[in-house]
Structure formats: structure tokens, C-alpha cells
Amino acid sequence: MVLYEVNVQVDRDIATDYRGWLDAHLGAMLALPGFTGAEVFEVVETPPDAGHLSLCVHYRLRDQAALDDYLREHATRMRADGIARFGDRFRASRRVLRPAGA
């Protein structure tokens, strides 16, 4: 199992639209080969950032080969959709996590 984490900061004034888009995006991601689940978390900022909503999305993938396939075959297209809709009104960073000892 591999965890693909996407951390997003969204301008508050588009947060509702972004969350609606994200729900559909999650469905499209989970339809790709090797994806086995996803969860969205709201990041609790201390102190809160009044201008942004921070989200952390965890995508679970079957294995590293599934992630490699996603990055090679699908990532550019999937990322471009969000950029086309929201431009520079959000920022995303990504990292990959594996269970310790794997």
C-alpha cells in the first residue's frame, strides 16, 4: 500500500466551488487503476488562516507500480483540470508515504 498525499490551500472565496469540484475529482481518481480509497481532511490551522481553506487528501494505492502508472499516464491531465477551473486561486503540494518497514 502507498499513500499519495495532496495538501491544498484554497482561497476562501472559492472554497465552496473547489470542494464541489474536489468531490467529482475524487470519483475520477478512484476510477483509475490501482486507487483503492481516498479521504479528505480539513487542516486545523492555529491560528486559523482567514484567507484560505487548507485541505489534506489521502489517496490509497495498491502499490508503488500503481502510483508510477498514475504519475506517468494520468497526473498531468488530472492536475490540469483543477488549474483550468481555478487558476492560481489554490496551491497544491504532494508527497508519497509508505508504511514503515515496507
PDB file of N, CA and C in Angstrom:
ATOM      1  N   MET A   1       0.844  -1.171   0.000  1.00  0.00           N
ATOM      2  CA  MET A   1       0.000   0.000   0.000  1.00  0.00           C
ATOM      3  C   MET A   1       0.895   1.242   0.000  1.00  0.00           C
ATOM      4  N   VAL A   2       0.470   2.229  -0.782  1.00  0.00           N
ATOM      5  CA  VAL A   2       1.151   3.518  -0.860  1.00  0.00           C
ATOM      6  C   VAL A   2       0.111   4.598  -0.608  1.00  0.00           C
ATOM      7  N   LEU A   3       0.507   5.611   0.134  1.00  0.00           N
ATOM      8  CA  LEU A   3      -0.371   6.755   0.386  1.00  0.00           C
ATOM      9  C   LEU A   3       0.175   7.940  -0.402  1.00  0.00           C
ATOM     10  N   TYR A   4      -0.677   8.508  -1.244  1.00  0.00           N
ATOM     11  CA  TYR A   4      -0.334   9.689  -2.031  1.00  0.00           C
ATOM     12  C   TYR A   4      -1.088  10.845  -1.406  1.00  0.00           C
ATOM     13  N   GLU A   5      -0.356  11.771  -0.824  1.00  0.00           N
ATOM     14  CA  GLU A   5      -0.953  12.869  -0.076  1.00  0.00           C
ATOM     15  C   GLU A   5      -0.867  14.155  -0.889  1.00  0.00           C
ATOM     16  N   VAL A   6      -2.000  14.849  -0.978  1.00  0.00           N
ATOM     17  CA  VAL A   6      -2.051  16.143  -1.666  1.00  0.00           C
ATOM     18  C   VAL A   6      -2.549  17.170  -0.655  1.00  0.00           C
ATOM     19  N   ASN A   7      -1.735  18.176  -0.389  1.00  0.00           N
ATOM     20  CA  ASN A   7      -2.105  19.267   0.517  1.00  0.00           C
ATOM     21  C   ASN A   7      -2.436  20.484  -0.323  1.00  0.00           C
ATOM     22  N   VAL A   8      -3.600  21.072  -0.041  1.00  0.00           N
ATOM     23  CA  VAL A   8      -4.119  22.162  -0.857  1.00  0.00           C
ATOM     24  C   VAL A   8      -4.482  23.348   0.024  1.00  0.00           C
ATOM     25  N   GLN A   9      -4.110  24.527  -0.432  1.00  0.00           N
ATOM     26  CA  GLN A   9      -4.575  25.775   0.168  1.00  0.00           C
ATOM     27  C   GLN A   9      -5.430  26.470  -0.877  1.00  0.00           C
ATOM     28  N   VAL A  10      -6.690  26.720  -0.519  1.00  0.00           N
ATOM     29  CA  VAL A  10      -7.673  27.273  -1.442  1.00  0.00           C
ATOM     30  C   VAL A  10      -8.111  28.638  -0.930  1.00  0.00           C
ATOM     31  N   ASP A  11      -8.182  29.617  -1.826  1.00  0.00           N
ATOM     32  CA  ASP A  11      -8.733  30.917  -1.441  1.00  0.00           C
ATOM     33  C   ASP A  11     -10.127  30.707  -0.874  1.00  0.00           C
ATOM     34  N   ARG A  12     -10.414  31.314   0.272  1.00  0.00           N
ATOM     35  CA  ARG A  12     -11.714  31.123   0.945  1.00  0.00           C
ATOM     36  C   ARG A  12     -12.901  31.470   0.054  1.00  0.00           C
ATOM     37  N   ASP A  13     -12.759  32.481  -0.800  1.00  0.00           N
ATOM     38  CA  ASP A  13     -13.917  32.900  -1.586  1.00  0.00           C
ATOM     39  C   ASP A  13     -14.286  31.922  -2.708  1.00  0.00           C
ATOM     40  N   ILE A  14     -13.450  30.917  -2.977  1.00  0.00           N
ATOM     41  CA  ILE A  14     -13.819  29.874  -3.939  1.00  0.00           C
ATOM     42  C   ILE A  14     -13.910  28.505  -3.277  1.00  0.00           C
ATOM     43  N   ALA A  15     -13.814  28.457  -1.954  1.00  0.00           N
ATOM     44  CA  ALA A  15     -13.742  27.179  -1.235  1.00  0.00           C
ATOM     45  C   ALA A  15     -14.949  26.283  -1.505  1.00  0.00           C
ATOM     46  N   THR A  16     -16.143  26.839  -1.548  1.00  0.00           N
ATOM     47  CA  THR A  16     -17.334  26.017  -1.789  1.00  0.00           C
ATOM     48  C   THR A  16     -17.289  25.404  -3.186  1.00  0.00           C
ATOM     49  N   ASP A  17     -16.950  26.203  -4.183  1.00  0.00           N
ATOM     50  CA  ASP A  17     -16.840  25.684  -5.550  1.00  0.00           C
ATOM     51  C   ASP A  17     -15.728  24.637  -5.644  1.00  0.00           C
ATOM     52  N   TYR A  18     -14.616  24.909  -4.972  1.00  0.00           N
ATOM     53  CA  TYR A  18     -13.495  23.965  -5.015  1.00  0.00           C
ATOM     54  C   TYR A  18     -13.889  22.633  -4.391  1.00  0.00           C
ATOM     55  N   ARG A  19     -14.570  22.675  -3.255  1.00  0.00           N
ATOM     56  CA  ARG A  19     -14.991  21.425  -2.600  1.00  0.00           C
ATOM     57  C   ARG A  19     -15.944  20.637  -3.495  1.00  0.00           C
ATOM     58  N   GLY A  20     -16.855  21.320  -4.195  1.00  0.00           N
ATOM     59  CA  GLY A  20     -17.739  20.630  -5.130  1.00  0.00           C
ATOM     60  C   GLY A  20     -16.959  19.959  -6.246  1.00  0.00           C
ATOM     61  N   TRP A  21     -15.977  20.683  -6.793  1.00  0.00           N
ATOM     62  CA  TRP A  21     -15.128  20.111  -7.827  1.00  0.00           C
ATOM     63  C   TRP A  21     -14.318  18.940  -7.270  1.00  0.00           C
ATOM     64  N   LEU A  22     -13.801  19.100  -6.052  1.00  0.00           N
ATOM     65  CA  LEU A  22     -12.967  18.061  -5.458  1.00  0.00           C
ATOM     66  C   LEU A  22     -13.746  16.762  -5.290  1.00  0.00           C
ATOM     67  N   ASP A  23     -15.008  16.846  -4.923  1.00  0.00           N
ATOM     68  CA  ASP A  23     -15.812  15.625  -4.785  1.00  0.00           C
ATOM     69  C   ASP A  23     -15.856  14.849  -6.102  1.00  0.00           C
ATOM     70  N   ALA A  24     -16.088  15.554  -7.204  1.00  0.00           N
ATOM     71  CA  ALA A  24     -16.105  14.903  -8.515  1.00  0.00           C
ATOM     72  C   ALA A  24     -14.711  14.395  -8.890  1.00  0.00           C
ATOM     73  N   HIS A  25     -13.688  15.173  -8.564  1.00  0.00           N
ATOM     74  CA  HIS A  25     -12.303  14.790  -8.851  1.00  0.00           C
ATOM     75  C   HIS A  25     -11.941  13.495  -8.121  1.00  0.00           C
ATOM     76  N   LEU A  26     -12.370  13.380  -6.872  1.00  0.00           N
ATOM     77  CA  LEU A  26     -12.096  12.148  -6.116  1.00  0.00           C
ATOM     78  C   LEU A  26     -12.684  10.939  -6.829  1.00  0.00           C
ATOM     79  N   GLY A  27     -13.906  11.078  -7.332  1.00  0.00           N
ATOM     80  CA  GLY A  27     -14.528   9.972  -8.062  1.00  0.00           C
ATOM     81  C   GLY A  27     -13.726   9.582  -9.288  1.00  0.00           C
ATOM     82  N   ALA A  28     -13.229  10.583 -10.015  1.00  0.00           N
ATOM     83  CA  ALA A  28     -12.419  10.306 -11.201  1.00  0.00           C
ATOM     84  C   ALA A  28     -11.093   9.643 -10.824  1.00  0.00           C
ATOM     85  N   MET A  29     -10.495  10.087  -9.743  1.00  0.00           N
ATOM     86  CA  MET A  29      -9.244   9.479  -9.292  1.00  0.00           C
ATOM     87  C   MET A  29      -9.460   8.025  -8.879  1.00  0.00           C
ATOM     88  N   LEU A  30     -10.536   7.780  -8.148  1.00  0.00           N
ATOM     89  CA  LEU A  30     -10.788   6.421  -7.667  1.00  0.00           C
ATOM     90  C   LEU A  30     -11.168   5.464  -8.793  1.00  0.00           C
ATOM     91  N   ALA A  31     -11.540   5.996  -9.942  1.00  0.00           N
ATOM     92  CA  ALA A  31     -11.838   5.152 -11.105  1.00  0.00           C
ATOM     93  C   ALA A  31     -10.562   4.715 -11.833  1.00  0.00           C
ATOM     94  N   LEU A  32      -9.434   5.336 -11.509  1.00  0.00           N
ATOM     95  CA  LEU A  32      -8.171   4.980 -12.158  1.00  0.00           C
ATOM     96  C   LEU A  32      -7.633   3.672 -11.595  1.00  0.00           C
ATOM     97  N   PRO A  33      -6.892   2.916 -12.407  1.00  0.00           N
ATOM     98  CA  PRO A  33      -6.346   1.641 -11.939  1.00  0.00           C
ATOM     99  C   PRO A  33      -5.424   1.822 -10.736  1.00  0.00           C
ATOM    100  N   GLY A  34      -5.588   0.963  -9.745  1.00  0.00           N
ATOM    101  CA  GLY A  34      -4.693   0.938  -8.598  1.00  0.00           C
ATOM    102  C   GLY A  34      -5.105   1.777  -7.414  1.00  0.00           C
ATOM    103  N   PHE A  35      -6.066   2.703  -7.594  1.00  0.00           N
ATOM    104  CA  PHE A  35      -6.546   3.507  -6.471  1.00  0.00           C
ATOM    105  C   PHE A  35      -7.572   2.697  -5.692  1.00  0.00           C
ATOM    106  N   THR A  36      -7.400   2.639  -4.373  1.00  0.00           N
ATOM    107  CA  THR A  36      -8.284   1.807  -3.554  1.00  0.00           C
ATOM    108  C   THR A  36      -9.120   2.603  -2.560  1.00  0.00           C
ATOM    109  N   GLY A  37      -8.847   3.893  -2.395  1.00  0.00           N
ATOM    110  CA  GLY A  37      -9.630   4.696  -1.465  1.00  0.00           C
ATOM    111  C   GLY A  37      -9.078   6.099  -1.360  1.00  0.00           C
ATOM    112  N   ALA A  38      -9.867   6.968  -0.737  1.00  0.00           N
ATOM    113  CA  ALA A  38      -9.436   8.352  -0.543  1.00  0.00           C
ATOM    114  C   ALA A  38     -10.201   8.956   0.620  1.00  0.00           C
ATOM    115  N   GLU A  39      -9.551   9.881   1.308  1.00  0.00           N
ATOM    116  CA  GLU A  39     -10.169  10.639   2.390  1.00  0.00           C
ATOM    117  C   GLU A  39      -9.719  12.085   2.286  1.00  0.00           C
ATOM    118  N   VAL A  40     -10.641  12.992   2.614  1.00  0.00           N
ATOM    119  CA  VAL A  40     -10.329  14.423   2.621  1.00  0.00           C
ATOM    120  C   VAL A  40     -10.397  14.908   4.065  1.00  0.00           C
ATOM    121  N   PHE A  41      -9.376  15.629   4.476  1.00  0.00           N
ATOM    122  CA  PHE A  41      -9.314  16.194   5.810  1.00  0.00           C
ATOM    123  C   PHE A  41      -9.204  17.708   5.713  1.00  0.00           C
ATOM    124  N   GLU A  42      -9.891  18.417   6.585  1.00  0.00           N
ATOM    125  CA  GLU A  42      -9.674  19.850   6.707  1.00  0.00           C
ATOM    126  C   GLU A  42      -8.549  20.037   7.714  1.00  0.00           C
ATOM    127  N   VAL A  43      -7.539  20.794   7.336  1.00  0.00           N
ATOM    128  CA  VAL A  43      -6.401  21.038   8.205  1.00  0.00           C
ATOM    129  C   VAL A  43      -6.789  22.139   9.186  1.00  0.00           C
ATOM    130  N   VAL A  44      -6.582  21.867  10.465  1.00  0.00           N
ATOM    131  CA  VAL A  44      -6.896  22.837  11.512  1.00  0.00           C
ATOM    132  C   VAL A  44      -5.655  23.691  11.731  1.00  0.00           C
ATOM    133  N   GLU A  45      -5.755  24.942  11.331  1.00  0.00           N
ATOM    134  CA  GLU A  45      -4.641  25.878  11.468  1.00  0.00           C
ATOM    135  C   GLU A  45      -4.740  26.591  12.813  1.00  0.00           C
ATOM    136  N   THR A  46      -3.600  26.770  13.474  1.00  0.00           N
ATOM    137  CA  THR A  46      -3.553  27.506  14.730  1.00  0.00           C
ATOM    138  C   THR A  46      -2.464  28.563  14.624  1.00  0.00           C
ATOM    139  N   PRO A  47      -2.817  29.816  14.521  1.00  0.00           N
ATOM    140  CA  PRO A  47      -4.169  30.370  14.431  1.00  0.00           C
ATOM    141  C   PRO A  47      -4.740  30.125  13.032  1.00  0.00           C
ATOM    142  N   PRO A  48      -6.060  30.228  12.880  1.00  0.00           N
ATOM    143  CA  PRO A  48      -6.678  29.980  11.574  1.00  0.00           C
ATOM    144  C   PRO A  48      -6.221  30.990  10.529  1.00  0.00           C
ATOM    145  N   ASP A  49      -6.172  30.547   9.303  1.00  0.00           N
ATOM    146  CA  ASP A  49      -5.841  31.410   8.164  1.00  0.00           C
ATOM    147  C   ASP A  49      -7.165  31.885   7.569  1.00  0.00           C
ATOM    148  N   ALA A  50      -7.514  33.132   7.807  1.00  0.00           N
ATOM    149  CA  ALA A  50      -8.808  33.659   7.376  1.00  0.00           C
ATOM    150  C   ALA A  50      -8.941  33.689   5.856  1.00  0.00           C
ATOM    151  N   GLY A  51      -7.835  33.736   5.137  1.00  0.00           N
ATOM    152  CA  GLY A  51      -7.893  33.865   3.691  1.00  0.00           C
ATOM    153  C   GLY A  51      -7.929  32.562   2.923  1.00  0.00           C
ATOM    154  N   HIS A  52      -7.626  31.442   3.618  1.00  0.00           N
ATOM    155  CA  HIS A  52      -7.509  30.172   2.911  1.00  0.00           C
ATOM    156  C   HIS A  52      -8.174  29.031   3.672  1.00  0.00           C
ATOM    157  N   LEU A  53      -8.641  28.062   2.928  1.00  0.00           N
ATOM    158  CA  LEU A  53      -9.066  26.772   3.465  1.00  0.00           C
ATOM    159  C   LEU A  53      -7.950  25.801   3.144  1.00  0.00           C
ATOM    160  N   SER A  54      -7.484  25.061   4.149  1.00  0.00           N
ATOM    161  CA  SER A  54      -6.427  24.080   3.938  1.00  0.00           C
ATOM    162  C   SER A  54      -7.026  22.686   4.010  1.00  0.00           C
ATOM    163  N   LEU A  55      -6.747  21.897   2.986  1.00  0.00           N
ATOM    164  CA  LEU A  55      -7.239  20.527   2.907  1.00  0.00           C
ATOM    165  C   LEU A  55      -6.064  19.583   2.705  1.00  0.00           C
ATOM    166  N   CYS A  56      -6.221  18.370   3.204  1.00  0.00           N
ATOM    167  CA  CYS A  56      -5.243  17.311   3.004  1.00  0.00           C
ATOM    168  C   CYS A  56      -6.007  16.100   2.479  1.00  0.00           C
ATOM    169  N   VAL A  57      -5.633  15.639   1.291  1.00  0.00           N
ATOM    170  CA  VAL A  57      -6.303  14.495   0.669  1.00  0.00           C
ATOM    171  C   VAL A  57      -5.345  13.315   0.692  1.00  0.00           C
ATOM    172  N   HIS A  58      -5.815  12.198   1.207  1.00  0.00           N
ATOM    173  CA  HIS A  58      -5.042  10.957   1.202  1.00  0.00           C
ATOM    174  C   HIS A  58      -5.659  10.006   0.192  1.00  0.00           C
ATOM    175  N   TYR A  59      -4.883   9.661  -0.820  1.00  0.00           N
ATOM    176  CA  TYR A  59      -5.285   8.640  -1.784  1.00  0.00           C
ATOM    177  C   TYR A  59      -4.510   7.375  -1.457  1.00  0.00           C
ATOM    178  N   ARG A  60      -5.205   6.271  -1.328  1.00  0.00           N
ATOM    179  CA  ARG A  60      -4.559   4.986  -1.109  1.00  0.00           C
ATOM    180  C   ARG A  60      -4.443   4.256  -2.448  1.00  0.00           C
ATOM    181  N   LEU A  61      -3.245   3.753  -2.700  1.00  0.00           N
ATOM    182  CA  LEU A  61      -2.996   2.995  -3.921  1.00  0.00           C
ATOM    183  C   LEU A  61      -2.506   1.607  -3.564  1.00  0.00           C
ATOM    184  N   ARG A  62      -2.769   0.699  -4.468  1.00  0.00           N
ATOM    185  CA  ARG A  62      -2.416  -0.706  -4.267  1.00  0.00           C
ATOM    186  C   ARG A  62      -0.926  -0.876  -3.982  1.00  0.00           C
ATOM    187  N   ASP A  63      -0.082  -0.207  -4.787  1.00  0.00           N
ATOM    188  CA  ASP A  63       1.365  -0.375  -4.646  1.00  0.00           C
ATOM    189  C   ASP A  63       2.094   0.734  -5.401  1.00  0.00           C
ATOM    190  N   GLN A  64       3.402   0.713  -5.337  1.00  0.00           N
ATOM    191  CA  GLN A  64       4.224   1.729  -5.994  1.00  0.00           C
ATOM    192  C   GLN A  64       4.022   1.707  -7.507  1.00  0.00           C
ATOM    193  N   ALA A  65       3.848   0.529  -8.093  1.00  0.00           N
ATOM    194  CA  ALA A  65       3.639   0.441  -9.538  1.00  0.00           C
ATOM    195  C   ALA A  65       2.379   1.192  -9.953  1.00  0.00           C
ATOM    196  N   ALA A  66       1.323   1.126  -9.147  1.00  0.00           N
ATOM    197  CA  ALA A  66       0.087   1.856  -9.447  1.00  0.00           C
ATOM    198  C   ALA A  66       0.328   3.358  -9.390  1.00  0.00           C
ATOM    199  N   LEU A  67       1.091   3.824  -8.415  1.00  0.00           N
ATOM    200  CA  LEU A  67       1.415   5.245  -8.325  1.00  0.00           C
ATOM    201  C   LEU A  67       2.271   5.675  -9.517  1.00  0.00           C
ATOM    202  N   ASP A  68       3.261   4.866  -9.861  1.00  0.00           N
ATOM    203  CA  ASP A  68       4.110   5.184 -11.008  1.00  0.00           C
ATOM    204  C   ASP A  68       3.274   5.300 -12.276  1.00  0.00           C
ATOM    205  N   ASP A  69       2.305   4.402 -12.460  1.00  0.00           N
ATOM    206  CA  ASP A  69       1.419   4.452 -13.622  1.00  0.00           C
ATOM    207  C   ASP A  69       0.597   5.737 -13.612  1.00  0.00           C
ATOM    208  N   TYR A  70       0.045   6.089 -12.458  1.00  0.00           N
ATOM    209  CA  TYR A  70      -0.726   7.331 -12.350  1.00  0.00           C
ATOM    210  C   TYR A  70       0.132   8.533 -12.728  1.00  0.00           C
ATOM    211  N   LEU A  71       1.319   8.627 -12.161  1.00  0.00           N
ATOM    212  CA  LEU A  71       2.188   9.776 -12.416  1.00  0.00           C
ATOM    213  C   LEU A  71       2.591   9.862 -13.890  1.00  0.00           C
ATOM    214  N   ARG A  72       2.802   8.720 -14.511  1.00  0.00           N
ATOM    215  CA  ARG A  72       3.227   8.679 -15.907  1.00  0.00           C
ATOM    216  C   ARG A  72       2.062   8.923 -16.881  1.00  0.00           C
ATOM    217  N   GLU A  73       0.904   8.333 -16.597  1.00  0.00           N
ATOM    218  CA  GLU A  73      -0.191   8.305 -17.572  1.00  0.00           C
ATOM    219  C   GLU A  73      -1.328   9.294 -17.305  1.00  0.00           C
ATOM    220  N   HIS A  74      -1.535   9.710 -16.055  1.00  0.00           N
ATOM    221  CA  HIS A  74      -2.751  10.443 -15.731  1.00  0.00           C
ATOM    222  C   HIS A  74      -2.553  11.768 -14.993  1.00  0.00           C
ATOM    223  N   ALA A  75      -1.450  11.924 -14.289  1.00  0.00           N
ATOM    224  CA  ALA A  75      -1.282  13.068 -13.384  1.00  0.00           C
ATOM    225  C   ALA A  75      -1.394  14.411 -14.105  1.00  0.00           C
ATOM    226  N   THR A  76      -0.768  14.550 -15.243  1.00  0.00           N
ATOM    227  CA  THR A  76      -0.788  15.836 -15.951  1.00  0.00           C
ATOM    228  C   THR A  76      -2.226  16.240 -16.275  1.00  0.00           C
ATOM    229  N   ARG A  77      -3.005  15.311 -16.794  1.00  0.00           N
ATOM    230  CA  ARG A  77      -4.401  15.600 -17.152  1.00  0.00           C
ATOM    231  C   ARG A  77      -5.239  15.908 -15.926  1.00  0.00           C
ATOM    232  N   MET A  78      -5.090  15.125 -14.869  1.00  0.00           N
ATOM    233  CA  MET A  78      -5.902  15.316 -13.666  1.00  0.00           C
ATOM    234  C   MET A  78      -5.561  16.647 -12.994  1.00  0.00           C
ATOM    235  N   ARG A  79      -4.314  17.011 -12.959  1.00  0.00           N
ATOM    236  CA  ARG A  79      -3.909  18.281 -12.354  1.00  0.00           C
ATOM    237  C   ARG A  79      -4.365  19.467 -13.201  1.00  0.00           C
ATOM    238  N   ALA A  80      -4.316  19.321 -14.516  1.00  0.00           N
ATOM    239  CA  ALA A  80      -4.685  20.408 -15.424  1.00  0.00           C
ATOM    240  C   ALA A  80      -6.143  20.819 -15.265  1.00  0.00           C
ATOM    241  N   ASP A  81      -7.006  19.889 -14.929  1.00  0.00           N
ATOM    242  CA  ASP A  81      -8.417  20.214 -14.768  1.00  0.00           C
ATOM    243  C   ASP A  81      -8.622  21.237 -13.647  1.00  0.00           C
ATOM    244  N   GLY A  82      -7.997  21.027 -12.521  1.00  0.00           N
ATOM    245  CA  GLY A  82      -8.111  21.975 -11.410  1.00  0.00           C
ATOM    246  C   GLY A  82      -7.528  23.335 -11.758  1.00  0.00           C
ATOM    247  N   ILE A  83      -6.404  23.333 -12.451  1.00  0.00           N
ATOM    248  CA  ILE A  83      -5.770  24.585 -12.840  1.00  0.00           C
ATOM    249  C   ILE A  83      -6.652  25.340 -13.833  1.00  0.00           C
ATOM    250  N   ALA A  84      -7.255  24.616 -14.774  1.00  0.00           N
ATOM    251  CA  ALA A  84      -8.128  25.259 -15.761  1.00  0.00           C
ATOM    252  C   ALA A  84      -9.336  25.905 -15.078  1.00  0.00           C
ATOM    253  N   ARG A  85      -9.852  25.269 -14.032  1.00  0.00           N
ATOM    254  CA  ARG A  85     -11.044  25.792 -13.354  1.00  0.00           C
ATOM    255  C   ARG A  85     -10.736  26.904 -12.365  1.00  0.00           C
ATOM    256  N   PHE A  86      -9.609  26.782 -11.656  1.00  0.00           N
ATOM    257  CA  PHE A  86      -9.357  27.693 -10.534  1.00  0.00           C
ATOM    258  C   PHE A  86      -8.087  28.519 -10.667  1.00  0.00           C
ATOM    259  N   GLY A  87      -7.310  28.295 -11.707  1.00  0.00           N
ATOM    260  CA  GLY A  87      -6.105  29.088 -11.942  1.00  0.00           C
ATOM    261  C   GLY A  87      -5.170  29.105 -10.753  1.00  0.00           C
ATOM    262  N   ASP A  88      -4.773  30.304 -10.349  1.00  0.00           N
ATOM    263  CA  ASP A  88      -3.824  30.444  -9.238  1.00  0.00           C
ATOM    264  C   ASP A  88      -4.536  30.694  -7.911  1.00  0.00           C
ATOM    265  N   ARG A  89      -5.806  30.338  -7.830  1.00  0.00           N
ATOM    266  CA  ARG A  89      -6.589  30.563  -6.607  1.00  0.00           C
ATOM    267  C   ARG A  89      -6.397  29.438  -5.587  1.00  0.00           C
ATOM    268  N   PHE A  90      -5.534  28.479  -5.915  1.00  0.00           N
ATOM    269  CA  PHE A  90      -5.197  27.411  -4.974  1.00  0.00           C
ATOM    270  C   PHE A  90      -3.744  27.007  -5.222  1.00  0.00           C
ATOM    271  N   ARG A  91      -3.171  26.383  -4.199  1.00  0.00           N
ATOM    272  CA  ARG A  91      -1.815  25.829  -4.305  1.00  0.00           C
ATOM    273  C   ARG A  91      -1.861  24.396  -3.801  1.00  0.00           C
ATOM    274  N   ALA A  92      -1.098  23.528  -4.447  1.00  0.00           N
ATOM    275  CA  ALA A  92      -1.070  22.123  -4.041  1.00  0.00           C
ATOM    276  C   ALA A  92       0.373  21.652  -3.911  1.00  0.00           C
ATOM    277  N   SER A  93       0.617  20.848  -2.908  1.00  0.00           N
ATOM    278  CA  SER A  93       1.900  20.166  -2.756  1.00  0.00           C
ATOM    279  C   SER A  93       1.591  18.692  -2.529  1.00  0.00           C
ATOM    280  N   ARG A  94       2.534  17.855  -2.873  1.00  0.00           N
ATOM    281  CA  ARG A  94       2.283  16.418  -2.828  1.00  0.00           C
ATOM    282  C   ARG A  94       3.451  15.700  -2.182  1.00  0.00           C
ATOM    283  N   ARG A  95       3.131  14.566  -1.567  1.00  0.00           N
ATOM    284  CA  ARG A  95       4.188  13.685  -1.071  1.00  0.00           C
ATOM    285  C   ARG A  95       3.655  12.255  -1.061  1.00  0.00           C
ATOM    286  N   VAL A  96       4.589  11.317  -1.014  1.00  0.00           N
ATOM    287  CA  VAL A  96       4.263   9.895  -1.030  1.00  0.00           C
ATOM    288  C   VAL A  96       4.711   9.291   0.291  1.00  0.00           C
ATOM    289  N   LEU A  97       3.823   8.489   0.883  1.00  0.00           N
ATOM    290  CA  LEU A  97       4.112   7.836   2.164  1.00  0.00           C
ATOM    291  C   LEU A  97       3.929   6.328   2.005  1.00  0.00           C
ATOM    292  N   ARG A  98       4.795   5.587   2.655  1.00  0.00           N
ATOM    293  CA  ARG A  98       4.682   4.118   2.711  1.00  0.00           C
ATOM    294  C   ARG A  98       4.686   3.702   4.167  1.00  0.00           C
ATOM    295  N   PRO A  99       4.043   2.588   4.480  1.00  0.00           N
ATOM    296  CA  PRO A  99       4.117   2.094   5.866  1.00  0.00           C
ATOM    297  C   PRO A  99       5.585   1.848   6.251  1.00  0.00           C
ATOM    298  N   ALA A 100       5.940   2.201   7.464  1.00  0.00           N
ATOM    299  CA  ALA A 100       7.306   1.992   7.951  1.00  0.00           C
ATOM    300  C   ALA A 100       7.653   0.510   7.881  1.00  0.00           C
ATOM    301  N   GLY A 101       8.869   0.235   7.463  1.00  0.00           N
ATOM    302  CA  GLY A 101       9.325  -1.139   7.373  1.00  0.00           C
ATOM    303  C   GLY A 101       8.984  -1.797   6.049  1.00  0.00           C
ATOM    304  N   ALA A 102       8.355  -1.063   5.151  1.00  0.00           N
ATOM    305  CA  ALA A 102       7.968  -1.650   3.859  1.00  0.00           C
ATOM    306  C   ALA A 102       9.113  -1.592   2.881  1.00  0.00           C
TER     307      ALA A 102
END
